Amino acid sequence: MKEKIQIDKLQYERLLLEKGYRYVAGVDEVGRGPLAGPVVCAAVIMPLDENDLIVGVDDSKKISEKKREKLSEEIKQKALSYSIFEVSEKEIDEINILQATRKGMREALLALSIPPDVVLTDGNMTLDIPFPQKSIVHGDALSYSIGAASIIAKVYRDKLMDEYAKTYPMYAFDRNKGYGTAVHINAIKEYGICPIHRKTFTKKF
């Protein structure tokens, strides 16, 4: 049997703490790919003492919905500071998804009640922010702080899409969260688009 390699989720944070940084913020986005709804960005500064760590923090996509919701509450309670910022589908159409994501991450970081000493971002994203930053590819799976941000962003956006499903039931947003599933695409072909669809993402339908 192949042994599962345990990833040290604090490897990046530890290096930064050793360099004298105190407040390390993780930032991540959820919802870059969907055809509908906003992109949601979350920033979080977690206590990084071994005794304060929340077990189970990982890339939000790898965790079951029930566990994610439980972790999200725990993260928000334990965080030294956190913030969530959404960029609407209308603005995504105006400035494109990459710029919308950059804006969302920046605003989430600027809204933190504690200014971070350094920021860890997921992916390969350089942000226009007044803090030192380091981007980590697959950061939501490799960094505790980014993983925590990805969880609260995903739970927030999923709940938002569940609410939209009540207003626009034909698209089954509660099941697809706005992503382009067959059911969703067929509904667009049948009913057209609704006010929360991204026009630049749905042109081909």
Protein backbone atom coordinates (compact mmCIF):
# COMPACT_ATOMS: atom_id res chain seq x y z
CA MET A 1 0.00 0.00 0.00
CA LYS A 2 1.30 3.41 -0.93
CA GLU A 3 1.91 5.55 2.10
CA LYS A 4 0.16 8.92 2.04
CA ILE A 5 2.71 11.69 2.23
CA GLN A 6 1.77 14.20 4.88
CA ILE A 7 2.13 17.74 3.55
CA ASP A 8 3.45 20.28 6.03
CA LYS A 9 0.72 22.91 5.66
CA LEU A 10 2.76 25.46 7.60
CA GLN A 11 6.00 25.24 5.62
CA TYR A 12 5.54 28.65 3.95
CA GLU A 13 4.14 30.33 7.06
CA ARG A 14 7.03 29.05 9.20
CA LEU A 15 9.64 30.45 6.82
CA LEU A 16 7.92 33.85 6.96
CA LEU A 17 7.65 33.81 10.76
CA GLU A 18 11.37 32.97 10.95
CA LYS A 19 12.07 36.05 8.80
CA GLY A 20 10.30 38.18 11.40
CA TYR A 21 6.88 38.58 9.78
CA ARG A 22 4.12 38.39 12.36
CA TYR A 23 0.79 38.58 10.57
CA VAL A 24 0.61 36.27 7.56
CA ALA A 25 -2.53 36.61 5.42
CA GLY A 26 -3.74 33.93 3.04
CA VAL A 27 -5.99 34.98 0.16
CA ASP A 28 -7.93 32.87 -2.35
CA GLU A 29 -10.85 33.07 -4.76
CA VAL A 30 -13.78 30.84 -5.60
CA GLY A 31 -15.86 31.05 -8.75
CA ARG A 32 -13.56 31.99 -11.59
CA GLY A 33 -15.03 29.37 -13.92
CA PRO A 34 -18.83 29.48 -13.49
CA LEU A 35 -21.23 30.89 -16.06
CA ALA A 36 -23.24 32.70 -13.38
CA GLY A 37 -22.80 34.52 -10.11
CA PRO A 38 -19.95 36.56 -8.64
CA VAL A 39 -16.33 35.64 -8.03
CA VAL A 40 -15.77 35.57 -4.25
CA CYS A 41 -12.42 36.31 -2.62
CA ALA A 42 -11.51 35.77 1.02
CA ALA A 43 -8.51 36.89 3.04
CA VAL A 44 -7.67 35.53 6.46
CA ILE A 45 -5.00 35.91 9.13
CA MET A 46 -4.89 32.79 11.28
CA PRO A 47 -3.08 32.20 14.59
CA LEU A 48 -0.12 30.02 13.58
CA ASP A 49 0.81 28.50 16.91
CA GLU A 50 0.78 24.68 16.71
CA ASN A 51 -1.85 24.51 19.50
CA ASP A 52 -4.22 26.82 17.61
CA LEU A 53 -4.25 24.91 14.34
CA ILE A 54 -7.57 23.67 12.98
CA VAL A 55 -7.32 20.06 11.85
CA GLY A 56 -8.63 19.31 8.37
CA VAL A 57 -7.93 22.64 6.62
CA ASP A 58 -7.22 21.86 2.96
CA ASP A 59 -8.12 22.88 -0.57
CA SER A 60 -11.88 23.54 -0.22
CA LYS A 61 -12.65 21.44 -3.31
CA LYS A 62 -11.30 18.30 -1.58
CA ILE A 63 -13.58 18.57 1.45
CA SER A 64 -17.21 17.46 1.74
CA GLU A 65 -19.84 20.18 1.97
CA LYS A 66 -20.77 19.31 5.55
CA LYS A 67 -17.15 19.34 6.72
CA ARG A 68 -16.47 22.59 4.83
CA GLU A 69 -19.32 24.35 6.61
CA LYS A 70 -18.07 23.18 10.01
CA LEU A 71 -14.50 24.23 9.20
CA SER A 72 -15.65 27.61 7.86
CA GLU A 73 -17.33 28.45 11.18
CA GLU A 74 -14.26 27.32 13.10
CA ILE A 75 -11.94 29.38 10.87
CA LYS A 76 -14.06 32.52 11.27
CA GLN A 77 -14.15 32.08 15.06
CA LYS A 78 -10.40 31.48 15.37
CA ALA A 79 -9.13 33.96 12.78
CA LEU A 80 -7.33 37.04 14.04
CA SER A 81 -9.02 38.76 11.11
CA TYR A 82 -10.90 37.71 7.98
CA SER A 83 -12.82 39.40 5.20
CA ILE A 84 -14.84 38.34 2.17
CA PHE A 85 -15.32 40.40 -0.98
CA GLU A 86 -17.46 39.57 -4.01
CA VAL A 87 -17.14 40.98 -7.52
CA SER A 88 -20.45 40.83 -9.40
CA GLU A 89 -21.07 39.08 -12.71
CA LYS A 90 -21.72 42.55 -14.20
CA GLU A 91 -18.26 43.75 -13.24
CA ILE A 92 -16.70 40.47 -14.43
CA ASP A 93 -18.23 41.21 -17.85
CA GLU A 94 -16.85 44.75 -17.77
CA ILE A 95 -13.26 44.15 -16.63
CA ASN A 96 -12.77 40.37 -17.33
CA ILE A 97 -12.44 37.55 -14.82
CA LEU A 98 -8.69 37.91 -14.20
CA GLN A 99 -8.99 41.60 -13.30
CA ALA A 100 -12.12 40.89 -11.26
CA THR A 101 -10.24 38.24 -9.28
CA ARG A 102 -7.30 40.59 -8.71
CA LYS A 103 -9.66 43.32 -7.55
CA GLY A 104 -11.54 40.96 -5.22
CA MET A 105 -8.34 39.66 -3.61
CA ARG A 106 -6.98 43.18 -3.19
CA GLU A 107 -10.20 44.50 -1.61
CA ALA A 108 -10.46 41.49 0.72
CA LEU A 109 -6.89 42.10 1.93
CA LEU A 110 -7.42 45.84 2.38
CA ALA A 111 -10.56 45.14 4.42
CA LEU A 112 -8.72 43.06 7.05
CA SER A 113 -8.89 44.68 10.49
CA ILE A 114 -5.19 43.84 10.99
CA PRO A 115 -2.91 44.95 8.13
CA PRO A 116 -0.91 41.85 7.14
CA ASP A 117 2.90 41.90 7.25
CA VAL A 118 3.00 39.55 4.28
CA VAL A 119 0.47 37.90 1.94
CA LEU A 120 0.34 34.38 0.50
CA THR A 121 -1.76 34.14 -2.67
CA ASP A 122 -2.99 31.05 -4.47
CA GLY A 123 -1.87 30.39 -8.04
CA ASN A 124 0.38 32.70 -9.96
CA MET A 125 -1.20 35.98 -9.05
CA THR A 126 0.60 39.28 -8.52
CA LEU A 127 -1.61 41.79 -6.75
CA ASP A 128 -1.49 45.56 -6.57
CA ILE A 129 -1.24 45.69 -2.77
CA PRO A 130 0.88 47.61 -0.24
CA PHE A 131 2.14 44.38 1.40
CA PRO A 132 4.95 41.96 0.49
CA GLN A 133 3.47 38.94 -1.30
CA LYS A 134 4.34 35.42 -2.37
CA SER A 135 2.22 33.36 -4.75
CA ILE A 136 2.09 29.58 -4.39
CA VAL A 137 0.82 27.28 -7.15
CA HIS A 138 -1.74 24.89 -5.56
CA GLY A 139 -1.48 27.11 -2.50
CA ASP A 140 -4.93 26.12 -1.25
CA ALA A 141 -3.60 22.57 -0.77
CA LEU A 142 -0.07 23.52 0.37
CA SER A 143 -0.60 26.47 2.72
CA TYR A 144 -2.75 26.49 5.85
CA SER A 145 -3.58 30.20 5.47
CA ILE A 146 -4.61 29.95 1.81
CA GLY A 147 -6.56 26.75 2.51
CA ALA A 148 -8.49 28.54 5.28
CA ALA A 149 -9.29 31.43 2.91
CA SER A 150 -10.46 29.00 0.21
CA ILE A 151 -12.86 27.29 2.64
CA ILE A 152 -14.60 30.44 3.85
CA ALA A 153 -14.83 31.78 0.28
CA LYS A 154 -16.36 28.54 -1.02
CA VAL A 155 -18.92 28.19 1.78
CA TYR A 156 -19.94 31.85 1.34
CA ARG A 157 -20.34 31.55 -2.44
CA ASP A 158 -22.16 28.22 -2.28
CA LYS A 159 -24.73 29.69 0.13
CA LEU A 160 -25.15 32.68 -2.17
CA MET A 161 -25.83 30.42 -5.16
CA ASP A 162 -28.32 28.39 -3.07
CA GLU A 163 -30.22 31.65 -2.48
CA TYR A 164 -30.14 32.52 -6.20
CA ALA A 165 -31.59 29.05 -6.90
CA LYS A 166 -34.78 30.12 -5.12
CA THR A 167 -35.16 33.13 -7.44
CA TYR A 168 -34.13 31.29 -10.63
CA PRO A 169 -35.06 27.64 -9.98
CA MET A 170 -34.86 26.52 -13.62
CA TYR A 171 -31.03 26.69 -13.63
CA ALA A 172 -30.50 24.45 -10.55
CA PHE A 173 -27.91 26.81 -9.08
CA ASP A 174 -28.20 24.98 -5.74
CA ARG A 175 -26.70 21.92 -7.44
CA ASN A 176 -24.25 23.40 -9.96
CA LYS A 177 -23.30 26.65 -8.15
CA GLY A 178 -23.31 28.38 -11.54
CA TYR A 179 -20.84 26.03 -13.23
CA GLY A 180 -21.56 24.87 -16.78
CA THR A 181 -23.09 21.47 -16.14
CA ALA A 182 -25.23 19.82 -18.84
CA VAL A 183 -28.42 20.62 -16.89
CA HIS A 184 -27.37 24.27 -16.56
CA ILE A 185 -26.41 24.64 -20.24
CA ASN A 186 -29.66 23.00 -21.37
CA ALA A 187 -31.60 25.42 -19.15
CA ILE A 188 -29.80 28.39 -20.77
CA LYS A 189 -30.72 27.02 -24.21
CA GLU A 190 -34.33 26.64 -23.13
CA TYR A 191 -34.89 29.79 -21.02
CA GLY A 192 -32.09 32.11 -22.10
CA ILE A 193 -29.89 33.81 -19.52
CA CYS A 194 -30.98 35.42 -16.25
CA PRO A 195 -29.68 38.63 -14.57
CA ILE A 196 -26.87 36.82 -12.71
CA HIS A 197 -25.39 35.12 -15.79
CA ARG A 198 -22.02 36.38 -17.04
CA LYS A 199 -22.73 37.57 -20.57
CA THR A 200 -19.10 37.12 -21.64
CA PHE A 201 -19.20 33.49 -20.45
CA THR A 202 -22.54 32.55 -22.05
CA LYS A 203 -22.13 34.02 -25.56
CA LYS A 204 -21.78 30.62 -27.23
CA PHE A 205 -25.15 29.44 -25.87
